[in-house]
Amino acid sequence: MSESSTTIDISEEMSSNVSRHNYRISVKSSSGEPVSGQEVVIAKTGDGSFAPNFRSDEIRRVTDDAGEAVFIWYRGGVFTRRVRATITLTAAEGQTIGAERFEDTTPEFGVSYVERPIRISPPRV
């Protein structure tokens, strides 16, 4: 059984402050219909990771009802040199697979400060 695949080349300059790339995968049948429930193998050679805090060179995603899935490539804290990676996406035979980079508009969660008055009890006599 042969498979269909596509590749993504990533290159970020040392001066770039980009820390991750978001990708949307799309899998379609030979007739152009979205393929749901298809497992896609995503493998990386080169710099970066598929996990934010540890090295991950291969992951798998299953497409939704629209034939899509999402994954993130993390730069991995390498800001002292140019970063290069090649990502290969592989699906089953007879299917067309594509990927497009998109901007994530989901806000990041963090700690916020809410000023509250300090109340000190009166001293006991």
C-alpha atoms as a PDB file:
ATOM      1  CA  MET A   1       0.000   0.000   0.000  1.00  0.00           C
ATOM      2  CA  SER A   2       1.507   3.323  -1.002  1.00  0.00           C
ATOM      3  CA  GLU A   3       0.810   6.579   0.782  1.00  0.00           C
ATOM      4  CA  SER A   4       0.400  10.197  -0.159  1.00  0.00           C
ATOM      5  CA  SER A   5       2.614  12.780   1.484  1.00  0.00           C
ATOM      6  CA  THR A   6       3.675  16.395   1.391  1.00  0.00           C
ATOM      7  CA  THR A   7       6.472  18.377   3.017  1.00  0.00           C
ATOM      8  CA  ILE A   8       6.805  21.735   4.737  1.00  0.00           C
ATOM      9  CA  ASP A   9      10.154  23.532   4.930  1.00  0.00           C
ATOM     10  CA  ILE A  10      10.699  25.848   7.894  1.00  0.00           C
ATOM     11  CA  SER A  11      13.455  28.440   8.056  1.00  0.00           C
ATOM     12  CA  GLU A  12      13.651  31.125  10.729  1.00  0.00           C
ATOM     13  CA  GLU A  13      16.532  33.581  10.948  1.00  0.00           C
ATOM     14  CA  MET A  14      18.409  34.111  14.193  1.00  0.00           C
ATOM     15  CA  SER A  15      16.959  37.629  14.387  1.00  0.00           C
ATOM     16  CA  SER A  16      13.377  36.310  14.118  1.00  0.00           C
ATOM     17  CA  ASN A  17      11.364  36.206  17.326  1.00  0.00           C
ATOM     18  CA  VAL A  18       8.875  33.639  15.965  1.00  0.00           C
ATOM     19  CA  SER A  19       8.568  30.836  18.513  1.00  0.00           C
ATOM     20  CA  ARG A  20       6.004  28.588  16.815  1.00  0.00           C
ATOM     21  CA  HIS A  21       4.111  27.859  13.601  1.00  0.00           C
ATOM     22  CA  ASN A  22       0.483  26.688  13.562  1.00  0.00           C
ATOM     23  CA  TYR A  23      -0.611  24.419  10.699  1.00  0.00           C
ATOM     24  CA  ARG A  24      -3.984  23.156   9.524  1.00  0.00           C
ATOM     25  CA  ILE A  25      -3.918  19.815   7.698  1.00  0.00           C
ATOM     26  CA  SER A  26      -6.533  18.974   5.083  1.00  0.00           C
ATOM     27  CA  VAL A  27      -7.072  15.421   3.781  1.00  0.00           C
ATOM     28  CA  LYS A  28      -9.288  14.752   0.765  1.00  0.00           C
ATOM     29  CA  SER A  29     -10.237  11.639  -1.170  1.00  0.00           C
ATOM     30  CA  SER A  30      -9.412  11.176  -4.843  1.00  0.00           C
ATOM     31  CA  SER A  31     -12.855  12.623  -5.634  1.00  0.00           C
ATOM     32  CA  GLY A  32     -12.106  15.773  -3.582  1.00  0.00           C
ATOM     33  CA  GLU A  33     -14.338  14.949  -0.597  1.00  0.00           C
ATOM     34  CA  PRO A  34     -12.999  15.552   2.947  1.00  0.00           C
ATOM     35  CA  VAL A  35     -11.816  12.365   4.673  1.00  0.00           C
ATOM     36  CA  SER A  36     -12.834  12.171   8.324  1.00  0.00           C
ATOM     37  CA  GLY A  37     -11.170   9.862  10.845  1.00  0.00           C
ATOM     38  CA  GLN A  38      -7.953   9.578   8.818  1.00  0.00           C
ATOM     39  CA  GLU A  39      -4.748   9.257  10.840  1.00  0.00           C
ATOM     40  CA  VAL A  40      -1.977  11.525   9.571  1.00  0.00           C
ATOM     41  CA  VAL A  41       1.650  10.874  10.535  1.00  0.00           C
ATOM     42  CA  ILE A  42       3.646  14.091  11.031  1.00  0.00           C
ATOM     43  CA  ALA A  43       7.427  13.642  11.182  1.00  0.00           C
ATOM     44  CA  LYS A  44      10.168  16.265  11.566  1.00  0.00           C
ATOM     45  CA  THR A  45      13.831  16.355  10.688  1.00  0.00           C
ATOM     46  CA  GLY A  46      15.953  19.269  11.803  1.00  0.00           C
ATOM     47  CA  ASP A  47      15.334  21.853  14.500  1.00  0.00           C
ATOM     48  CA  GLY A  48      12.326  22.411  16.717  1.00  0.00           C
ATOM     49  CA  SER A  49       9.750  20.129  18.268  1.00  0.00           C
ATOM     50  CA  PHE A  50       6.062  19.257  18.224  1.00  0.00           C
ATOM     51  CA  ALA A  51       5.916  19.733  22.016  1.00  0.00           C
ATOM     52  CA  PRO A  52       6.640  23.009  23.818  1.00  0.00           C
ATOM     53  CA  ASN A  53       8.798  21.604  26.632  1.00  0.00           C
ATOM     54  CA  PHE A  54      10.544  18.501  25.291  1.00  0.00           C
ATOM     55  CA  ARG A  55      11.820  17.028  22.028  1.00  0.00           C
ATOM     56  CA  SER A  56       9.157  15.416  19.875  1.00  0.00           C
ATOM     57  CA  ASP A  57      10.024  14.411  16.303  1.00  0.00           C
ATOM     58  CA  GLU A  58       6.858  12.519  15.326  1.00  0.00           C
ATOM     59  CA  ILE A  59       3.190  12.921  16.155  1.00  0.00           C
ATOM     60  CA  ARG A  60      -0.110  11.658  14.778  1.00  0.00           C
ATOM     61  CA  ARG A  61      -3.365  13.507  14.253  1.00  0.00           C
ATOM     62  CA  VAL A  62      -6.826  12.220  13.267  1.00  0.00           C
ATOM     63  CA  THR A  63      -8.935  14.372  10.948  1.00  0.00           C
ATOM     64  CA  ASP A  64     -12.322  15.726  12.027  1.00  0.00           C
ATOM     65  CA  ASP A  65     -15.586  15.669  10.046  1.00  0.00           C
ATOM     66  CA  ALA A  66     -14.251  18.391   7.734  1.00  0.00           C
ATOM     67  CA  GLY A  67     -11.138  16.306   6.964  1.00  0.00           C
ATOM     68  CA  GLU A  68      -8.935  18.707   8.963  1.00  0.00           C
ATOM     69  CA  ALA A  69      -6.535  18.520  11.886  1.00  0.00           C
ATOM     70  CA  VAL A  70      -4.166  21.010  13.519  1.00  0.00           C
ATOM     71  CA  PHE A  71      -0.586  20.775  14.776  1.00  0.00           C
ATOM     72  CA  ILE A  72       2.046  23.187  16.097  1.00  0.00           C
ATOM     73  CA  TRP A  73       5.801  23.312  15.448  1.00  0.00           C
ATOM     74  CA  TYR A  74       7.762  24.934  18.294  1.00  0.00           C
ATOM     75  CA  ARG A  75      11.120  26.603  17.785  1.00  0.00           C
ATOM     76  CA  GLY A  76      12.322  25.123  21.056  1.00  0.00           C
ATOM     77  CA  GLY A  77      14.201  28.096  22.456  1.00  0.00           C
ATOM     78  CA  VAL A  78      16.871  28.145  19.728  1.00  0.00           C
ATOM     79  CA  PHE A  79      17.522  31.854  19.218  1.00  0.00           C
ATOM     80  CA  THR A  80      21.329  31.774  18.890  1.00  0.00           C
ATOM     81  CA  ARG A  81      21.352  30.579  15.270  1.00  0.00           C
ATOM     82  CA  ARG A  82      19.216  30.113  12.189  1.00  0.00           C
ATOM     83  CA  VAL A  83      16.583  27.363  12.587  1.00  0.00           C
ATOM     84  CA  ARG A  84      15.738  24.894   9.811  1.00  0.00           C
ATOM     85  CA  ALA A  85      13.354  21.957   9.748  1.00  0.00           C
ATOM     86  CA  THR A  86      11.487  19.784   7.267  1.00  0.00           C
ATOM     87  CA  ILE A  87       8.111  18.364   8.219  1.00  0.00           C
ATOM     88  CA  THR A  88       6.628  15.432   6.303  1.00  0.00           C
ATOM     89  CA  LEU A  89       2.885  14.734   6.432  1.00  0.00           C
ATOM     90  CA  THR A  90       1.758  11.263   5.383  1.00  0.00           C
ATOM     91  CA  ALA A  91      -1.782   9.938   4.785  1.00  0.00           C
ATOM     92  CA  ALA A  92      -3.178   6.769   3.196  1.00  0.00           C
ATOM     93  CA  GLU A  93      -3.019   5.789  -0.464  1.00  0.00           C
ATOM     94  CA  GLY A  94      -5.211   7.689  -2.899  1.00  0.00           C
ATOM     95  CA  GLN A  95      -5.713  10.682  -0.657  1.00  0.00           C
ATOM     96  CA  THR A  96      -4.556  14.241  -1.149  1.00  0.00           C
ATOM     97  CA  ILE A  97      -2.968  15.903   1.850  1.00  0.00           C
ATOM     98  CA  GLY A  98      -2.171  19.571   2.227  1.00  0.00           C
ATOM     99  CA  ALA A  99      -1.181  21.954   5.005  1.00  0.00           C
ATOM    100  CA  GLU A 100      -1.405  25.678   5.451  1.00  0.00           C
ATOM    101  CA  ARG A 101       0.078  27.883   8.105  1.00  0.00           C
ATOM    102  CA  PHE A 102      -2.353  30.033  10.070  1.00  0.00           C
ATOM    103  CA  GLU A 103      -2.175  32.628  12.811  1.00  0.00           C
ATOM    104  CA  ASP A 104      -3.494  31.484  16.156  1.00  0.00           C
ATOM    105  CA  THR A 105      -5.848  34.122  17.552  1.00  0.00           C
ATOM    106  CA  THR A 106      -6.506  32.246  20.795  1.00  0.00           C
ATOM    107  CA  PRO A 107      -5.324  34.411  23.682  1.00  0.00           C
ATOM    108  CA  GLU A 108      -2.571  32.994  25.843  1.00  0.00           C
ATOM    109  CA  PHE A 109      -3.430  32.539  29.457  1.00  0.00           C
ATOM    110  CA  GLY A 110      -1.301  34.109  32.134  1.00  0.00           C
ATOM    111  CA  VAL A 111      -1.345  35.488  35.595  1.00  0.00           C
ATOM    112  CA  SER A 112      -3.076  38.791  36.091  1.00  0.00           C
ATOM    113  CA  TYR A 113      -3.044  41.122  39.056  1.00  0.00           C
ATOM    114  CA  VAL A 114      -6.230  42.473  40.573  1.00  0.00           C
ATOM    115  CA  GLU A 115      -5.704  45.204  43.139  1.00  0.00           C
ATOM    116  CA  ARG A 116      -7.600  44.569  46.353  1.00  0.00           C
ATOM    117  CA  PRO A 117      -7.540  46.751  49.456  1.00  0.00           C
ATOM    118  CA  ILE A 118      -5.615  45.363  52.391  1.00  0.00           C
ATOM    119  CA  ARG A 119      -7.700  45.069  55.530  1.00  0.00           C
ATOM    120  CA  ILE A 120      -5.912  44.996  58.820  1.00  0.00           C
ATOM    121  CA  SER A 121      -7.834  44.027  61.918  1.00  0.00           C
ATOM    122  CA  PRO A 122      -7.630  46.491  64.798  1.00  0.00           C
ATOM    123  CA  PRO A 123      -5.132  45.456  67.474  1.00  0.00           C
ATOM    124  CA  ARG A 124      -6.482  43.650  70.495  1.00  0.00           C
ATOM    125  CA  VAL A 125      -5.931  45.430  73.793  1.00  0.00           C
END
